[in-house]
């Protein structure tokens, strides 16, 4: 009986370890007006953040939505040189 309980416990741990981690991305506009890609990880929306898109499955999709928001002047365009 102990072996059966141990085997069930090992199987339960194995199945829980193989479940995929949830990776949700969002395009978030902060108070400075710039949009950033944020890995929400399935967490609830934070108060005070303005979300343009949520529950995006890949970083590439979130990046394309961020560029779309910048092109439509919903967010300030990011300039690495500060110009």
PDB file of N, CA and C in Angstrom:
ATOM      1  N   UNK A   1       0.822  -1.194   0.000  1.00  0.00           N
ATOM      2  CA  UNK A   1       0.000   0.000   0.000  1.00  0.00           C
ATOM      3  C   UNK A   1       0.865   1.257   0.000  1.00  0.00           C
ATOM      4  N   UNK A   2       1.982   1.185   0.750  1.00  0.00           N
ATOM      5  CA  UNK A   2       2.882   2.338   0.785  1.00  0.00           C
ATOM      6  C   UNK A   2       3.508   2.586  -0.579  1.00  0.00           C
ATOM      7  N   UNK A   3       3.821   1.509  -1.294  1.00  0.00           N
ATOM      8  CA  UNK A   3       4.403   1.647  -2.627  1.00  0.00           C
ATOM      9  C   UNK A   3       3.411   2.287  -3.589  1.00  0.00           C
ATOM     10  N   UNK A   4       2.150   1.924  -3.493  1.00  0.00           N
ATOM     11  CA  UNK A   4       1.123   2.495  -4.352  1.00  0.00           C
ATOM     12  C   UNK A   4       0.962   3.994  -4.081  1.00  0.00           C
ATOM     13  N   UNK A   5       0.928   4.363  -2.817  1.00  0.00           N
ATOM     14  CA  UNK A   5       0.804   5.779  -2.463  1.00  0.00           C
ATOM     15  C   UNK A   5       2.024   6.564  -2.930  1.00  0.00           C
ATOM     16  N   UNK A   6       3.211   5.974  -2.803  1.00  0.00           N
ATOM     17  CA  UNK A   6       4.434   6.629  -3.259  1.00  0.00           C
ATOM     18  C   UNK A   6       4.412   6.804  -4.777  1.00  0.00           C
ATOM     19  N   UNK A   7       3.978   5.761  -5.495  1.00  0.00           N
ATOM     20  CA  UNK A   7       3.916   5.824  -6.952  1.00  0.00           C
ATOM     21  C   UNK A   7       2.931   6.892  -7.415  1.00  0.00           C
ATOM     22  N   UNK A   8       1.798   6.988  -6.752  1.00  0.00           N
ATOM     23  CA  UNK A   8       0.804   8.017  -7.103  1.00  0.00           C
ATOM     24  C   UNK A   8       1.371   9.406  -6.833  1.00  0.00           C
ATOM     25  N   UNK A   9       2.091   9.561  -5.742  1.00  0.00           N
ATOM     26  CA  UNK A   9       2.710  10.847  -5.430  1.00  0.00           C
ATOM     27  C   UNK A   9       3.756  11.240  -6.446  1.00  0.00           C
ATOM     28  N   UNK A  10       4.578  10.285  -6.881  1.00  0.00           N
ATOM     29  CA  UNK A  10       5.594  10.559  -7.899  1.00  0.00           C
ATOM     30  C   UNK A  10       4.930  10.940  -9.218  1.00  0.00           C
ATOM     31  N   UNK A  11       3.894  10.229  -9.600  1.00  0.00           N
ATOM     32  CA  UNK A  11       3.176  10.564 -10.834  1.00  0.00           C
ATOM     33  C   UNK A  11       2.530  11.945 -10.753  1.00  0.00           C
ATOM     34  N   UNK A  12       1.965  12.283  -9.625  1.00  0.00           N
ATOM     35  CA  UNK A  12       1.345  13.603  -9.467  1.00  0.00           C
ATOM     36  C   UNK A  12       2.385  14.706  -9.592  1.00  0.00           C
ATOM     37  N   UNK A  13       3.545  14.518  -8.986  1.00  0.00           N
ATOM     38  CA  UNK A  13       4.613  15.502  -9.124  1.00  0.00           C
ATOM     39  C   UNK A  13       5.102  15.601 -10.561  1.00  0.00           C
ATOM     40  N   UNK A  14       5.189  14.483 -11.232  1.00  0.00           N
ATOM     41  CA  UNK A  14       5.626  14.480 -12.626  1.00  0.00           C
ATOM     42  C   UNK A  14       4.665  15.213 -13.534  1.00  0.00           C
ATOM     43  N   UNK A  15       3.374  14.990 -13.336  1.00  0.00           N
ATOM     44  CA  UNK A  15       2.387  15.690 -14.160  1.00  0.00           C
ATOM     45  C   UNK A  15       2.352  17.183 -13.875  1.00  0.00           C
ATOM     46  N   UNK A  16       2.513  17.577 -12.636  1.00  0.00           N
ATOM     47  CA  UNK A  16       2.486  19.003 -12.315  1.00  0.00           C
ATOM     48  C   UNK A  16       3.736  19.711 -12.837  1.00  0.00           C
ATOM     49  N   UNK A  17       4.848  19.012 -12.923  1.00  0.00           N
ATOM     50  CA  UNK A  17       6.089  19.619 -13.424  1.00  0.00           C
ATOM     51  C   UNK A  17       6.065  19.778 -14.935  1.00  0.00           C
ATOM     52  N   UNK A  18       5.250  19.017 -15.638  1.00  0.00           N
ATOM     53  CA  UNK A  18       5.236  19.083 -17.096  1.00  0.00           C
ATOM     54  C   UNK A  18       4.220  20.074 -17.639  1.00  0.00           C
ATOM     55  N   UNK A  19       3.426  20.707 -16.805  1.00  0.00           N
ATOM     56  CA  UNK A  19       2.472  21.689 -17.310  1.00  0.00           C
ATOM     57  C   UNK A  19       3.226  22.932 -17.757  1.00  0.00           C
ATOM     58  N   UNK A  20       2.779  23.527 -18.829  1.00  0.00           N
ATOM     59  CA  UNK A  20       3.454  24.682 -19.408  1.00  0.00           C
ATOM     60  C   UNK A  20       3.260  25.910 -18.531  1.00  0.00           C
ATOM     61  N   UNK A  21       4.303  26.694 -18.429  1.00  0.00           N
ATOM     62  CA  UNK A  21       4.204  27.949 -17.699  1.00  0.00           C
ATOM     63  C   UNK A  21       3.430  28.945 -18.558  1.00  0.00           C
ATOM     64  N   UNK A  22       2.651  29.749 -17.933  1.00  0.00           N
ATOM     65  CA  UNK A  22       1.836  30.713 -18.652  1.00  0.00           C
ATOM     66  C   UNK A  22       2.640  31.969 -18.890  1.00  0.00           C
ATOM     67  N   UNK A  23       2.779  32.337 -20.151  1.00  0.00           N
ATOM     68  CA  UNK A  23       3.536  33.534 -20.506  1.00  0.00           C
ATOM     69  C   UNK A  23       2.609  34.478 -21.247  1.00  0.00           C
ATOM     70  N   UNK A  24       2.035  35.401 -20.545  1.00  0.00           N
ATOM     71  CA  UNK A  24       1.195  36.416 -21.154  1.00  0.00           C
ATOM     72  C   UNK A  24       1.957  37.724 -21.178  1.00  0.00           C
ATOM     73  N   UNK A  25       1.844  38.415 -22.291  1.00  0.00           N
ATOM     74  CA  UNK A  25       2.487  39.713 -22.432  1.00  0.00           C
ATOM     75  C   UNK A  25       1.411  40.769 -22.626  1.00  0.00           C
ATOM     76  N   UNK A  26       1.750  41.985 -22.267  1.00  0.00           N
ATOM     77  CA  UNK A  26       0.832  43.107 -22.440  1.00  0.00           C
ATOM     78  C   UNK A  26       1.628  44.313 -22.912  1.00  0.00           C
ATOM     79  N   UNK A  27       0.956  45.199 -23.632  1.00  0.00           N
ATOM     80  CA  UNK A  27       1.539  46.484 -23.992  1.00  0.00           C
ATOM     81  C   UNK A  27       0.984  47.492 -22.998  1.00  0.00           C
ATOM     82  N   UNK A  28       1.889  48.053 -22.198  1.00  0.00           N
ATOM     83  CA  UNK A  28       1.501  48.901 -21.077  1.00  0.00           C
ATOM     84  C   UNK A  28       2.030  50.309 -21.311  1.00  0.00           C
ATOM     85  N   UNK A  29       1.187  51.318 -21.081  1.00  0.00           N
ATOM     86  CA  UNK A  29       1.643  52.705 -21.136  1.00  0.00           C
ATOM     87  C   UNK A  29       1.786  53.211 -19.704  1.00  0.00           C
ATOM     88  N   UNK A  30       2.991  53.649 -19.376  1.00  0.00           N
ATOM     89  CA  UNK A  30       3.265  54.169 -18.042  1.00  0.00           C
ATOM     90  C   UNK A  30       3.005  55.667 -18.001  1.00  0.00           C
ATOM     91  N   UNK A  31       3.188  56.269 -16.844  1.00  0.00           N
ATOM     92  CA  UNK A  31       2.869  57.679 -16.653  1.00  0.00           C
ATOM     93  C   UNK A  31       3.710  58.610 -17.508  1.00  0.00           C
ATOM     94  N   UNK A  32       4.916  58.163 -17.928  1.00  0.00           N
ATOM     95  CA  UNK A  32       5.761  59.008 -18.762  1.00  0.00           C
ATOM     96  C   UNK A  32       5.312  59.040 -20.218  1.00  0.00           C
ATOM     97  N   UNK A  33       4.311  58.243 -20.569  1.00  0.00           N
ATOM     98  CA  UNK A  33       3.760  58.241 -21.915  1.00  0.00           C
ATOM     99  C   UNK A  33       4.379  57.215 -22.843  1.00  0.00           C
ATOM    100  N   UNK A  34       5.399  56.509 -22.379  1.00  0.00           N
ATOM    101  CA  UNK A  34       6.039  55.490 -23.194  1.00  0.00           C
ATOM    102  C   UNK A  34       5.377  54.142 -22.953  1.00  0.00           C
ATOM    103  N   UNK A  35       5.246  53.374 -24.021  1.00  0.00           N
ATOM    104  CA  UNK A  35       4.707  52.026 -23.911  1.00  0.00           C
ATOM    105  C   UNK A  35       5.852  51.037 -23.793  1.00  0.00           C
ATOM    106  N   UNK A  36       5.601  50.008 -23.030  1.00  0.00           N
ATOM    107  CA  UNK A  36       6.581  48.943 -22.852  1.00  0.00           C
ATOM    108  C   UNK A  36       5.873  47.599 -22.905  1.00  0.00           C
ATOM    109  N   UNK A  37       6.631  46.595 -23.283  1.00  0.00           N
ATOM    110  CA  UNK A  37       6.101  45.241 -23.273  1.00  0.00           C
ATOM    111  C   UNK A  37       6.324  44.689 -21.880  1.00  0.00           C
ATOM    112  N   UNK A  38       5.283  44.174 -21.275  1.00  0.00           N
ATOM    113  CA  UNK A  38       5.341  43.717 -19.899  1.00  0.00           C
ATOM    114  C   UNK A  38       4.906  42.266 -19.847  1.00  0.00           C
ATOM    115  N   UNK A  39       5.707  41.446 -19.196  1.00  0.00           N
ATOM    116  CA  UNK A  39       5.356  40.041 -19.011  1.00  0.00           C
ATOM    117  C   UNK A  39       4.474  39.957 -17.774  1.00  0.00           C
ATOM    118  N   UNK A  40       3.190  39.772 -18.001  1.00  0.00           N
ATOM    119  CA  UNK A  40       2.251  39.729 -16.874  1.00  0.00           C
ATOM    120  C   UNK A  40       2.259  38.375 -16.204  1.00  0.00           C
ATOM    121  N   UNK A  41       2.625  37.331 -16.922  1.00  0.00           N
ATOM    122  CA  UNK A  41       2.653  35.991 -16.338  1.00  0.00           C
ATOM    123  C   UNK A  41       1.311  35.547 -15.809  1.00  0.00           C
ATOM    124  N   UNK A  42       0.240  36.071 -16.356  1.00  0.00           N
ATOM    125  CA  UNK A  42      -1.083  35.702 -15.889  1.00  0.00           C
ATOM    126  C   UNK A  42      -1.535  36.452 -14.652  1.00  0.00           C
ATOM    127  N   UNK A  43      -0.722  37.406 -14.192  1.00  0.00           N
ATOM    128  CA  UNK A  43      -1.102  38.186 -13.016  1.00  0.00           C
ATOM    129  C   UNK A  43      -2.197  39.182 -13.368  1.00  0.00           C
ATOM    130  N   UNK A  44      -2.963  39.620 -12.415  1.00  0.00           N
ATOM    131  CA  UNK A  44      -4.021  40.588 -12.704  1.00  0.00           C
ATOM    132  C   UNK A  44      -3.446  41.944 -13.097  1.00  0.00           C
ATOM    133  N   UNK A  45      -4.270  42.743 -13.695  1.00  0.00           N
ATOM    134  CA  UNK A  45      -3.873  44.076 -14.139  1.00  0.00           C
ATOM    135  C   UNK A  45      -3.556  44.945 -12.930  1.00  0.00           C
ATOM    136  N   UNK A  46      -2.448  45.661 -13.016  1.00  0.00           N
ATOM    137  CA  UNK A  46      -2.025  46.539 -11.931  1.00  0.00           C
ATOM    138  C   UNK A  46      -2.811  47.848 -11.984  1.00  0.00           C
ATOM    139  N   UNK A  47      -3.196  48.408 -10.859  1.00  0.00           N
ATOM    140  CA  UNK A  47      -3.920  49.680 -10.868  1.00  0.00           C
ATOM    141  C   UNK A  47      -2.996  50.810 -11.308  1.00  0.00           C
ATOM    142  N   UNK A  48      -3.531  51.724 -12.072  1.00  0.00           N
ATOM    143  CA  UNK A  48      -2.772  52.881 -12.534  1.00  0.00           C
ATOM    144  C   UNK A  48      -2.055  52.679 -13.848  1.00  0.00           C
ATOM    145  N   UNK A  49      -2.041  51.465 -14.375  1.00  0.00           N
ATOM    146  CA  UNK A  49      -1.412  51.219 -15.665  1.00  0.00           C
ATOM    147  C   UNK A  49      -2.474  51.251 -16.745  1.00  0.00           C
ATOM    148  N   UNK A  50      -2.131  51.815 -17.895  1.00  0.00           N
ATOM    149  CA  UNK A  50      -3.048  51.818 -19.024  1.00  0.00           C
ATOM    150  C   UNK A  50      -2.598  50.721 -19.978  1.00  0.00           C
ATOM    151  N   UNK A  51      -3.449  49.744 -20.178  1.00  0.00           N
ATOM    152  CA  UNK A  51      -3.137  48.620 -21.043  1.00  0.00           C
ATOM    153  C   UNK A  51      -3.746  48.857 -22.413  1.00  0.00           C
ATOM    154  N   UNK A  52      -2.929  48.702 -23.452  1.00  0.00           N
ATOM    155  CA  UNK A  52      -3.466  48.755 -24.806  1.00  0.00           C
ATOM    156  C   UNK A  52      -3.904  47.373 -25.267  1.00  0.00           C
ATOM    157  N   UNK A  53      -3.076  46.349 -24.983  1.00  0.00           N
ATOM    158  CA  UNK A  53      -3.419  44.972 -25.303  1.00  0.00           C
ATOM    159  C   UNK A  53      -2.969  44.089 -24.152  1.00  0.00           C
ATOM    160  N   UNK A  54      -3.734  43.069 -23.874  1.00  0.00           N
ATOM    161  CA  UNK A  54      -3.370  42.104 -22.830  1.00  0.00           C
ATOM    162  C   UNK A  54      -3.501  40.691 -23.389  1.00  0.00           C
ATOM    163  N   UNK A  55      -2.924  39.733 -22.687  1.00  0.00           N
ATOM    164  CA  UNK A  55      -2.988  38.310 -23.018  1.00  0.00           C
ATOM    165  C   UNK A  55      -2.423  38.002 -24.406  1.00  0.00           C
ATOM    166  N   UNK A  56      -1.322  38.674 -24.752  1.00  0.00           N
ATOM    167  CA  UNK A  56      -0.629  38.350 -25.990  1.00  0.00           C
ATOM    168  C   UNK A  56       0.294  37.171 -25.708  1.00  0.00           C
ATOM    169  N   UNK A  57       0.291  36.179 -26.561  1.00  0.00           N
ATOM    170  CA  UNK A  57       0.960  34.912 -26.273  1.00  0.00           C
ATOM    171  C   UNK A  57       2.468  34.936 -26.518  1.00  0.00           C
ATOM    172  N   UNK A  58       2.965  35.790 -27.428  1.00  0.00           N
ATOM    173  CA  UNK A  58       4.396  35.818 -27.707  1.00  0.00           C
ATOM    174  C   UNK A  58       4.929  37.236 -27.583  1.00  0.00           C
ATOM    175  N   UNK A  59       6.256  37.319 -27.346  1.00  0.00           N
ATOM    176  CA  UNK A  59       6.893  38.622 -27.247  1.00  0.00           C
ATOM    177  C   UNK A  59       6.872  39.328 -28.600  1.00  0.00           C
ATOM    178  N   UNK A  60       7.025  38.575 -29.682  1.00  0.00           N
ATOM    179  CA  UNK A  60       7.020  39.162 -31.023  1.00  0.00           C
ATOM    180  C   UNK A  60       5.674  39.821 -31.338  1.00  0.00           C
ATOM    181  N   UNK A  61       4.591  39.176 -30.948  1.00  0.00           N
ATOM    182  CA  UNK A  61       3.263  39.749 -31.167  1.00  0.00           C
ATOM    183  C   UNK A  61       3.099  41.023 -30.336  1.00  0.00           C
ATOM    184  N   UNK A  62       3.589  41.003 -29.116  1.00  0.00           N
ATOM    185  CA  UNK A  62       3.506  42.192 -28.268  1.00  0.00           C
ATOM    186  C   UNK A  62       4.347  43.328 -28.847  1.00  0.00           C
ATOM    187  N   UNK A  63       5.509  43.007 -29.409  1.00  0.00           N
ATOM    188  CA  UNK A  63       6.360  44.032 -30.019  1.00  0.00           C
ATOM    189  C   UNK A  63       5.668  44.667 -31.220  1.00  0.00           C
ATOM    190  N   UNK A  64       4.976  43.860 -32.028  1.00  0.00           N
ATOM    191  CA  UNK A  64       4.279  44.424 -33.180  1.00  0.00           C
ATOM    192  C   UNK A  64       3.120  45.322 -32.732  1.00  0.00           C
ATOM    193  N   UNK A  65       2.433  44.942 -31.667  1.00  0.00           N
ATOM    194  CA  UNK A  65       1.344  45.788 -31.153  1.00  0.00           C
ATOM    195  C   UNK A  65       1.892  47.093 -30.569  1.00  0.00           C
ATOM    196  N   UNK A  66       3.064  47.031 -29.933  1.00  0.00           N
ATOM    197  CA  UNK A  66       3.694  48.231 -29.379  1.00  0.00           C
ATOM    198  C   UNK A  66       4.068  49.191 -30.500  1.00  0.00           C
ATOM    199  N   UNK A  67       4.639  48.676 -31.567  1.00  0.00           N
ATOM    200  CA  UNK A  67       4.997  49.526 -32.707  1.00  0.00           C
ATOM    201  C   UNK A  67       3.752  50.111 -33.370  1.00  0.00           C
ATOM    202  N   UNK A  68       2.676  49.357 -33.403  1.00  0.00           N
ATOM    203  CA  UNK A  68       1.409  49.855 -33.939  1.00  0.00           C
ATOM    204  C   UNK A  68       0.895  51.020 -33.094  1.00  0.00           C
ATOM    205  N   UNK A  69       0.981  50.880 -31.773  1.00  0.00           N
ATOM    206  CA  UNK A  69       0.526  51.947 -30.875  1.00  0.00           C
ATOM    207  C   UNK A  69       1.386  53.204 -31.043  1.00  0.00           C
ATOM    208  N   UNK A  70       2.690  53.025 -31.229  1.00  0.00           N
ATOM    209  CA  UNK A  70       3.567  54.177 -31.447  1.00  0.00           C
ATOM    210  C   UNK A  70       3.279  54.849 -32.783  1.00  0.00           C
ATOM    211  N   UNK A  71       3.005  54.062 -33.815  1.00  0.00           N
ATOM    212  CA  UNK A  71       2.712  54.616 -35.137  1.00  0.00           C
ATOM    213  C   UNK A  71       1.411  55.408 -35.148  1.00  0.00           C
ATOM    214  N   UNK A  72       0.467  55.036 -34.298  1.00  0.00           N
ATOM    215  CA  UNK A  72      -0.816  55.736 -34.224  1.00  0.00           C
ATOM    216  C   UNK A  72      -0.841  56.799 -33.122  1.00  0.00           C
ATOM    217  N   UNK A  73       0.320  57.108 -32.572  1.00  0.00           N
ATOM    218  CA  UNK A  73       0.505  58.159 -31.566  1.00  0.00           C
ATOM    219  C   UNK A  73      -0.292  57.928 -30.291  1.00  0.00           C
ATOM    220  N   UNK A  74      -0.508  56.643 -29.954  1.00  0.00           N
ATOM    221  CA  UNK A  74      -1.120  56.319 -28.679  1.00  0.00           C
ATOM    222  C   UNK A  74      -0.072  56.353 -27.581  1.00  0.00           C
ATOM    223  N   UNK A  75       1.190  56.166 -27.979  1.00  0.00           N
ATOM    224  CA  UNK A  75       2.325  56.173 -27.066  1.00  0.00           C
ATOM    225  C   UNK A  75       3.423  57.033 -27.679  1.00  0.00           C
ATOM    226  N   UNK A  76       4.306  57.508 -26.825  1.00  0.00           N
ATOM    227  CA  UNK A  76       5.474  58.213 -27.335  1.00  0.00           C
ATOM    228  C   UNK A  76       6.397  57.200 -27.991  1.00  0.00           C
ATOM    229  N   UNK A  77       6.978  57.561 -29.148  1.00  0.00           N
ATOM    230  CA  UNK A  77       7.928  56.623 -29.762  1.00  0.00           C
ATOM    231  C   UNK A  77       9.219  56.594 -28.960  1.00  0.00           C
ATOM    232  N   UNK A  78       9.730  55.404 -28.748  1.00  0.00           N
ATOM    233  CA  UNK A  78      10.954  55.242 -27.975  1.00  0.00           C
ATOM    234  C   UNK A  78      12.138  55.565 -28.871  1.00  0.00           C
ATOM    235  N   UNK A  79      13.010  56.444 -28.387  1.00  0.00           N
ATOM    236  CA  UNK A  79      14.224  56.805 -29.098  1.00  0.00           C
ATOM    237  C   UNK A  79      15.394  56.541 -28.167  1.00  0.00           C
ATOM    238  N   UNK A  80      16.250  55.628 -28.523  1.00  0.00           N
ATOM    239  CA  UNK A  80      17.351  55.230 -27.649  1.00  0.00           C
ATOM    240  C   UNK A  80      18.365  56.356 -27.436  1.00  0.00           C
ATOM    241  N   UNK A  81      18.405  57.327 -28.359  1.00  0.00           N
ATOM    242  CA  UNK A  81      19.369  58.419 -28.248  1.00  0.00           C
ATOM    243  C   UNK A  81      18.829  59.608 -27.468  1.00  0.00           C
ATOM    244  N   UNK A  82      17.575  59.560 -27.102  1.00  0.00           N
ATOM    245  CA  UNK A  82      16.982  60.656 -26.330  1.00  0.00           C
ATOM    246  C   UNK A  82      16.701  61.902 -27.152  1.00  0.00           C
ATOM    247  N   UNK A  83      16.683  61.775 -28.476  1.00  0.00           N
ATOM    248  CA  UNK A  83      16.435  62.930 -29.357  1.00  0.00           C
ATOM    249  C   UNK A  83      14.958  63.075 -29.605  1.00  0.00           C
TER     250      UNK A  83
END
